[in-house]
């Protein structure tokens, strides 16, 4: 296994981790909406979810960038 293969597989793992975070965000917001939470609870839930969502999107972008770099350098 070369360094480029590790870059590709590491990037794929990071992208999968980011995708799992995005799915968690969707599930959390959906369950909060179905529970008919009050405004303060919904606001607190959304603030937490937005932070996790941004981190998950960043992880997905960095993972995809490393996959592309590994493919291009290979």
PDB file of N, CA and C in Angstrom:
ATOM      1  N   UNK A   1       0.855  -1.171   0.000  1.00  0.00           N
ATOM      2  CA  UNK A   1       0.000   0.000   0.000  1.00  0.00           C
ATOM      3  C   UNK A   1       0.902   1.236   0.000  1.00  0.00           C
ATOM      4  N   UNK A   2       0.674   2.103  -0.952  1.00  0.00           N
ATOM      5  CA  UNK A   2       1.490   3.306  -1.066  1.00  0.00           C
ATOM      6  C   UNK A   2       0.880   4.444  -0.252  1.00  0.00           C
ATOM      7  N   UNK A   3       1.629   5.524  -0.158  1.00  0.00           N
ATOM      8  CA  UNK A   3       1.144   6.699   0.570  1.00  0.00           C
ATOM      9  C   UNK A   3      -0.110   7.271  -0.095  1.00  0.00           C
ATOM     10  N   UNK A   4      -0.190   7.131  -1.411  1.00  0.00           N
ATOM     11  CA  UNK A   4      -1.354   7.650  -2.132  1.00  0.00           C
ATOM     12  C   UNK A   4      -2.600   6.816  -1.849  1.00  0.00           C
ATOM     13  N   UNK A   5      -2.406   5.516  -1.715  1.00  0.00           N
ATOM     14  CA  UNK A   5      -3.543   4.663  -1.344  1.00  0.00           C
ATOM     15  C   UNK A   5      -4.047   5.008   0.057  1.00  0.00           C
ATOM     16  N   UNK A   6      -3.112   5.278   0.964  1.00  0.00           N
ATOM     17  CA  UNK A   6      -3.524   5.666   2.310  1.00  0.00           C
ATOM     18  C   UNK A   6      -4.234   7.011   2.299  1.00  0.00           C
ATOM     19  N   UNK A   7      -3.791   7.918   1.425  1.00  0.00           N
ATOM     20  CA  UNK A   7      -4.448   9.216   1.302  1.00  0.00           C
ATOM     21  C   UNK A   7      -5.870   9.045   0.785  1.00  0.00           C
ATOM     22  N   UNK A   8      -6.040   8.163  -0.189  1.00  0.00           N
ATOM     23  CA  UNK A   8      -7.364   7.912  -0.754  1.00  0.00           C
ATOM     24  C   UNK A   8      -8.285   7.269   0.284  1.00  0.00           C
ATOM     25  N   UNK A   9      -7.824   6.214   0.955  1.00  0.00           N
ATOM     26  CA  UNK A   9      -8.671   5.518   1.915  1.00  0.00           C
ATOM     27  C   UNK A   9      -8.923   6.342   3.175  1.00  0.00           C
ATOM     28  N   UNK A  10      -7.930   7.108   3.589  1.00  0.00           N
ATOM     29  CA  UNK A  10      -8.141   8.000   4.726  1.00  0.00           C
ATOM     30  C   UNK A  10      -9.158   9.080   4.410  1.00  0.00           C
ATOM     31  N   UNK A  11      -9.073   9.623   3.200  1.00  0.00           N
ATOM     32  CA  UNK A  11     -10.045  10.619   2.766  1.00  0.00           C
ATOM     33  C   UNK A  11     -11.439  10.034   2.653  1.00  0.00           C
ATOM     34  N   UNK A  12     -11.522   8.802   2.172  1.00  0.00           N
ATOM     35  CA  UNK A  12     -12.834   8.152   2.078  1.00  0.00           C
ATOM     36  C   UNK A  12     -13.426   7.924   3.466  1.00  0.00           C
ATOM     37  N   UNK A  13     -12.591   7.556   4.426  1.00  0.00           N
ATOM     38  CA  UNK A  13     -13.078   7.360   5.795  1.00  0.00           C
ATOM     39  C   UNK A  13     -13.533   8.685   6.399  1.00  0.00           C
ATOM     40  N   UNK A  14     -12.776   9.758   6.150  1.00  0.00           N
ATOM     41  CA  UNK A  14     -13.158  11.067   6.669  1.00  0.00           C
ATOM     42  C   UNK A  14     -14.458  11.553   6.033  1.00  0.00           C
ATOM     43  N   UNK A  15     -14.628  11.285   4.751  1.00  0.00           N
ATOM     44  CA  UNK A  15     -15.874  11.648   4.076  1.00  0.00           C
ATOM     45  C   UNK A  15     -17.052  10.863   4.642  1.00  0.00           C
ATOM     46  N   UNK A  16     -16.848   9.582   4.905  1.00  0.00           N
ATOM     47  CA  UNK A  16     -17.918   8.765   5.485  1.00  0.00           C
ATOM     48  C   UNK A  16     -18.277   9.249   6.885  1.00  0.00           C
ATOM     49  N   UNK A  17     -17.282   9.671   7.646  1.00  0.00           N
ATOM     50  CA  UNK A  17     -17.539  10.214   8.980  1.00  0.00           C
ATOM     51  C   UNK A  17     -18.344  11.508   8.891  1.00  0.00           C
ATOM     52  N   UNK A  18     -17.998  12.361   7.935  1.00  0.00           N
ATOM     53  CA  UNK A  18     -18.759  13.592   7.727  1.00  0.00           C
ATOM     54  C   UNK A  18     -20.183  13.312   7.285  1.00  0.00           C
ATOM     55  N   UNK A  19     -20.354  12.333   6.433  1.00  0.00           N
ATOM     56  CA  UNK A  19     -21.697  11.966   5.984  1.00  0.00           C
ATOM     57  C   UNK A  19     -22.531  11.432   7.137  1.00  0.00           C
ATOM     58  N   UNK A  20     -21.912  10.661   8.021  1.00  0.00           N
ATOM     59  CA  UNK A  20     -22.629  10.166   9.203  1.00  0.00           C
ATOM     60  C   UNK A  20     -23.059  11.333  10.093  1.00  0.00           C
ATOM     61  N   UNK A  21     -22.217  12.342  10.203  1.00  0.00           N
ATOM     62  CA  UNK A  21     -22.576  13.523  10.979  1.00  0.00           C
ATOM     63  C   UNK A  21     -23.746  14.267  10.375  1.00  0.00           C
ATOM     64  N   UNK A  22     -23.774  14.367   9.062  1.00  0.00           N
ATOM     65  CA  UNK A  22     -24.886  15.039   8.388  1.00  0.00           C
ATOM     66  C   UNK A  22     -26.184  14.262   8.586  1.00  0.00           C
ATOM     67  N   UNK A  23     -26.115  12.942   8.506  1.00  0.00           N
ATOM     68  CA  UNK A  23     -27.305  12.110   8.737  1.00  0.00           C
ATOM     69  C   UNK A  23     -27.784  12.277  10.177  1.00  0.00           C
ATOM     70  N   UNK A  24     -26.852  12.361  11.129  1.00  0.00           N
ATOM     71  CA  UNK A  24     -27.235  12.590  12.526  1.00  0.00           C
ATOM     72  C   UNK A  24     -27.959  13.926  12.680  1.00  0.00           C
ATOM     73  N   UNK A  25     -27.473  14.952  11.985  1.00  0.00           N
ATOM     74  CA  UNK A  25     -28.114  16.262  12.047  1.00  0.00           C
ATOM     75  C   UNK A  25     -29.541  16.200  11.525  1.00  0.00           C
ATOM     76  N   UNK A  26     -29.721  15.524  10.421  1.00  0.00           N
ATOM     77  CA  UNK A  26     -31.061  15.395   9.842  1.00  0.00           C
ATOM     78  C   UNK A  26     -31.983  14.657  10.801  1.00  0.00           C
ATOM     79  N   UNK A  27     -31.498  13.574  11.389  1.00  0.00           N
ATOM     80  CA  UNK A  27     -32.326  12.792  12.311  1.00  0.00           C
ATOM     81  C   UNK A  27     -32.670  13.588  13.564  1.00  0.00           C
ATOM     82  N   UNK A  28     -31.726  14.355  14.069  1.00  0.00           N
ATOM     83  CA  UNK A  28     -31.971  15.142  15.276  1.00  0.00           C
ATOM     84  C   UNK A  28     -33.015  16.225  15.038  1.00  0.00           C
ATOM     85  N   UNK A  29     -32.902  16.936  13.930  1.00  0.00           N
ATOM     86  CA  UNK A  29     -33.871  17.995  13.633  1.00  0.00           C
ATOM     87  C   UNK A  29     -35.247  17.403  13.355  1.00  0.00           C
ATOM     88  N   UNK A  30     -35.290  16.281  12.658  1.00  0.00           N
ATOM     89  CA  UNK A  30     -36.570  15.643  12.371  1.00  0.00           C
ATOM     90  C   UNK A  30     -37.267  15.195  13.651  1.00  0.00           C
ATOM     91  N   UNK A  31     -36.507  14.616  14.570  1.00  0.00           N
ATOM     92  CA  UNK A  31     -37.130  14.174  15.819  1.00  0.00           C
ATOM     93  C   UNK A  31     -37.575  15.363  16.669  1.00  0.00           C
ATOM     94  N   UNK A  32     -36.840  16.458  16.632  1.00  0.00           N
ATOM     95  CA  UNK A  32     -37.249  17.649  17.385  1.00  0.00           C
ATOM     96  C   UNK A  32     -38.515  18.264  16.796  1.00  0.00           C
ATOM     97  N   UNK A  33     -38.622  18.245  15.488  1.00  0.00           N
ATOM     98  CA  UNK A  33     -39.834  18.802  14.859  1.00  0.00           C
ATOM     99  C   UNK A  33     -41.052  17.924  15.130  1.00  0.00           C
ATOM    100  N   UNK A  34     -40.850  16.617  15.131  1.00  0.00           N
ATOM    101  CA  UNK A  34     -41.977  15.713  15.391  1.00  0.00           C
ATOM    102  C   UNK A  34     -42.438  15.775  16.842  1.00  0.00           C
ATOM    103  N   UNK A  35     -41.518  16.129  17.741  1.00  0.00           N
ATOM    104  CA  UNK A  35     -41.869  16.204  19.160  1.00  0.00           C
ATOM    105  C   UNK A  35     -42.619  17.491  19.494  1.00  0.00           C
ATOM    106  N   UNK A  36     -42.786  18.373  18.518  1.00  0.00           N
ATOM    107  CA  UNK A  36     -43.476  19.643  18.724  1.00  0.00           C
ATOM    108  C   UNK A  36     -42.863  20.405  19.907  1.00  0.00           C
ATOM    109  N   UNK A  37     -41.519  20.513  19.877  1.00  0.00           N
ATOM    110  CA  UNK A  37     -40.810  21.187  20.964  1.00  0.00           C
ATOM    111  C   UNK A  37     -41.153  22.678  20.982  1.00  0.00           C
ATOM    112  N   UNK A  38     -41.070  23.274  22.172  1.00  0.00           N
ATOM    113  CA  UNK A  38     -41.339  24.700  22.267  1.00  0.00           C
ATOM    114  C   UNK A  38     -40.180  25.491  21.641  1.00  0.00           C
ATOM    115  N   UNK A  39     -40.353  26.796  21.568  1.00  0.00           N
ATOM    116  CA  UNK A  39     -39.415  27.636  20.826  1.00  0.00           C
ATOM    117  C   UNK A  39     -38.012  27.617  21.433  1.00  0.00           C
ATOM    118  N   UNK A  40     -37.911  27.666  22.729  1.00  0.00           N
ATOM    119  CA  UNK A  40     -36.596  27.700  23.382  1.00  0.00           C
ATOM    120  C   UNK A  40     -35.851  26.376  23.193  1.00  0.00           C
ATOM    121  N   UNK A  41     -36.564  25.280  23.314  1.00  0.00           N
ATOM    122  CA  UNK A  41     -35.949  23.966  23.130  1.00  0.00           C
ATOM    123  C   UNK A  41     -35.514  23.775  21.679  1.00  0.00           C
ATOM    124  N   UNK A  42     -36.363  24.192  20.763  1.00  0.00           N
ATOM    125  CA  UNK A  42     -36.027  24.071  19.345  1.00  0.00           C
ATOM    126  C   UNK A  42     -34.827  24.941  18.997  1.00  0.00           C
ATOM    127  N   UNK A  43     -34.755  26.131  19.562  1.00  0.00           N
ATOM    128  CA  UNK A  43     -33.631  27.034  19.307  1.00  0.00           C
ATOM    129  C   UNK A  43     -32.325  26.430  19.831  1.00  0.00           C
ATOM    130  N   UNK A  44     -32.347  25.851  21.023  1.00  0.00           N
ATOM    131  CA  UNK A  44     -31.155  25.225  21.589  1.00  0.00           C
ATOM    132  C   UNK A  44     -30.726  24.009  20.771  1.00  0.00           C
ATOM    133  N   UNK A  45     -31.701  23.230  20.318  1.00  0.00           N
ATOM    134  CA  UNK A  45     -31.391  22.065  19.485  1.00  0.00           C
ATOM    135  C   UNK A  45     -30.775  22.494  18.158  1.00  0.00           C
ATOM    136  N   UNK A  46     -31.339  23.506  17.556  1.00  0.00           N
ATOM    137  CA  UNK A  46     -30.830  23.976  16.269  1.00  0.00           C
ATOM    138  C   UNK A  46     -29.434  24.575  16.394  1.00  0.00           C
ATOM    139  N   UNK A  47     -29.150  25.259  17.492  1.00  0.00           N
ATOM    140  CA  UNK A  47     -27.807  25.815  17.674  1.00  0.00           C
ATOM    141  C   UNK A  47     -26.777  24.705  17.763  1.00  0.00           C
ATOM    142  N   UNK A  48     -27.101  23.640  18.483  1.00  0.00           N
ATOM    143  CA  UNK A  48     -26.181  22.512  18.585  1.00  0.00           C
ATOM    144  C   UNK A  48     -26.021  21.807  17.236  1.00  0.00           C
ATOM    145  N   UNK A  49     -27.114  21.623  16.532  1.00  0.00           N
ATOM    146  CA  UNK A  49     -27.085  20.908  15.268  1.00  0.00           C
ATOM    147  C   UNK A  49     -26.317  21.697  14.206  1.00  0.00           C
ATOM    148  N   UNK A  50     -26.447  23.021  14.211  1.00  0.00           N
ATOM    149  CA  UNK A  50     -25.729  23.829  13.222  1.00  0.00           C
ATOM    150  C   UNK A  50     -24.226  23.688  13.409  1.00  0.00           C
ATOM    151  N   UNK A  51     -23.757  23.666  14.639  1.00  0.00           N
ATOM    152  CA  UNK A  51     -22.318  23.504  14.890  1.00  0.00           C
ATOM    153  C   UNK A  51     -21.824  22.139  14.412  1.00  0.00           C
ATOM    154  N   UNK A  52     -22.576  21.099  14.708  1.00  0.00           N
ATOM    155  CA  UNK A  52     -22.189  19.760  14.262  1.00  0.00           C
ATOM    156  C   UNK A  52     -22.269  19.653  12.745  1.00  0.00           C
ATOM    157  N   UNK A  53     -23.279  20.281  12.152  1.00  0.00           N
ATOM    158  CA  UNK A  53     -23.450  20.239  10.707  1.00  0.00           C
ATOM    159  C   UNK A  53     -22.273  20.899   9.994  1.00  0.00           C
ATOM    160  N   UNK A  54     -21.825  22.039  10.497  1.00  0.00           N
ATOM    161  CA  UNK A  54     -20.687  22.718   9.871  1.00  0.00           C
ATOM    162  C   UNK A  54     -19.417  21.873   9.986  1.00  0.00           C
ATOM    163  N   UNK A  55     -19.214  21.234  11.127  1.00  0.00           N
ATOM    164  CA  UNK A  55     -18.045  20.367  11.298  1.00  0.00           C
ATOM    165  C   UNK A  55     -18.135  19.151  10.374  1.00  0.00           C
ATOM    166  N   UNK A  56     -19.321  18.600  10.223  1.00  0.00           N
ATOM    167  CA  UNK A  56     -19.500  17.439   9.350  1.00  0.00           C
ATOM    168  C   UNK A  56     -19.272  17.818   7.889  1.00  0.00           C
ATOM    169  N   UNK A  57     -19.759  18.977   7.496  1.00  0.00           N
ATOM    170  CA  UNK A  57     -19.520  19.438   6.124  1.00  0.00           C
ATOM    171  C   UNK A  57     -18.037  19.681   5.875  1.00  0.00           C
ATOM    172  N   UNK A  58     -17.347  20.255   6.848  1.00  0.00           N
ATOM    173  CA  UNK A  58     -15.908  20.486   6.709  1.00  0.00           C
ATOM    174  C   UNK A  58     -15.158  19.163   6.598  1.00  0.00           C
ATOM    175  N   UNK A  59     -15.536  18.182   7.403  1.00  0.00           N
ATOM    176  CA  UNK A  59     -14.889  16.873   7.332  1.00  0.00           C
ATOM    177  C   UNK A  59     -15.132  16.222   5.971  1.00  0.00           C
ATOM    178  N   UNK A  60     -16.335  16.335   5.466  1.00  0.00           N
ATOM    179  CA  UNK A  60     -16.635  15.755   4.150  1.00  0.00           C
ATOM    180  C   UNK A  60     -15.827  16.425   3.049  1.00  0.00           C
ATOM    181  N   UNK A  61     -15.712  17.739   3.105  1.00  0.00           N
ATOM    182  CA  UNK A  61     -14.954  18.471   2.087  1.00  0.00           C
ATOM    183  C   UNK A  61     -13.480  18.104   2.149  1.00  0.00           C
ATOM    184  N   UNK A  62     -12.917  18.068   3.355  1.00  0.00           N
ATOM    185  CA  UNK A  62     -11.499  17.713   3.482  1.00  0.00           C
ATOM    186  C   UNK A  62     -11.242  16.273   3.036  1.00  0.00           C
ATOM    187  N   UNK A  63     -12.166  15.379   3.357  1.00  0.00           N
ATOM    188  CA  UNK A  63     -12.019  13.999   2.919  1.00  0.00           C
ATOM    189  C   UNK A  63     -12.074  13.864   1.408  1.00  0.00           C
ATOM    190  N   UNK A  64     -13.012  14.554   0.783  1.00  0.00           N
ATOM    191  CA  UNK A  64     -13.107  14.491  -0.676  1.00  0.00           C
ATOM    192  C   UNK A  64     -11.892  15.133  -1.343  1.00  0.00           C
ATOM    193  N   UNK A  65     -11.367  16.201  -0.732  1.00  0.00           N
ATOM    194  CA  UNK A  65     -10.167  16.828  -1.284  1.00  0.00           C
ATOM    195  C   UNK A  65      -8.974  15.877  -1.213  1.00  0.00           C
ATOM    196  N   UNK A  66      -8.850  15.149  -0.120  1.00  0.00           N
ATOM    197  CA  UNK A  66      -7.727  14.222  -0.029  1.00  0.00           C
ATOM    198  C   UNK A  66      -7.895  13.027  -0.971  1.00  0.00           C
ATOM    199  N   UNK A  67      -9.120  12.600  -1.203  1.00  0.00           N
ATOM    200  CA  UNK A  67      -9.339  11.532  -2.188  1.00  0.00           C
ATOM    201  C   UNK A  67      -8.930  12.009  -3.579  1.00  0.00           C
ATOM    202  N   UNK A  68      -9.347  13.203  -3.947  1.00  0.00           N
ATOM    203  CA  UNK A  68      -8.986  13.747  -5.272  1.00  0.00           C
ATOM    204  C   UNK A  68      -7.480  13.924  -5.399  1.00  0.00           C
ATOM    205  N   UNK A  69      -6.848  14.431  -4.342  1.00  0.00           N
ATOM    206  CA  UNK A  69      -5.390  14.601  -4.377  1.00  0.00           C
ATOM    207  C   UNK A  69      -4.673  13.264  -4.501  1.00  0.00           C
ATOM    208  N   UNK A  70      -5.153  12.274  -3.782  1.00  0.00           N
ATOM    209  CA  UNK A  70      -4.546  10.941  -3.868  1.00  0.00           C
ATOM    210  C   UNK A  70      -4.697  10.351  -5.261  1.00  0.00           C
ATOM    211  N   UNK A  71      -5.834  10.551  -5.891  1.00  0.00           N
ATOM    212  CA  UNK A  71      -6.050  10.035  -7.249  1.00  0.00           C
ATOM    213  C   UNK A  71      -5.187  10.787  -8.246  1.00  0.00           C
ATOM    214  N   UNK A  72      -5.104  12.106  -8.091  1.00  0.00           N
ATOM    215  CA  UNK A  72      -4.314  12.894  -9.035  1.00  0.00           C
ATOM    216  C   UNK A  72      -2.824  12.604  -8.913  1.00  0.00           C
ATOM    217  N   UNK A  73      -2.332  12.405  -7.720  1.00  0.00           N
ATOM    218  CA  UNK A  73      -0.906  12.165  -7.514  1.00  0.00           C
ATOM    219  C   UNK A  73      -0.507  10.730  -7.785  1.00  0.00           C
ATOM    220  N   UNK A  74      -1.433   9.860  -7.802  1.00  0.00           N
ATOM    221  CA  UNK A  74      -1.158   8.444  -8.031  1.00  0.00           C
ATOM    222  C   UNK A  74      -0.699   8.264  -9.426  1.00  0.00           C
TER     223      UNK A  74
END
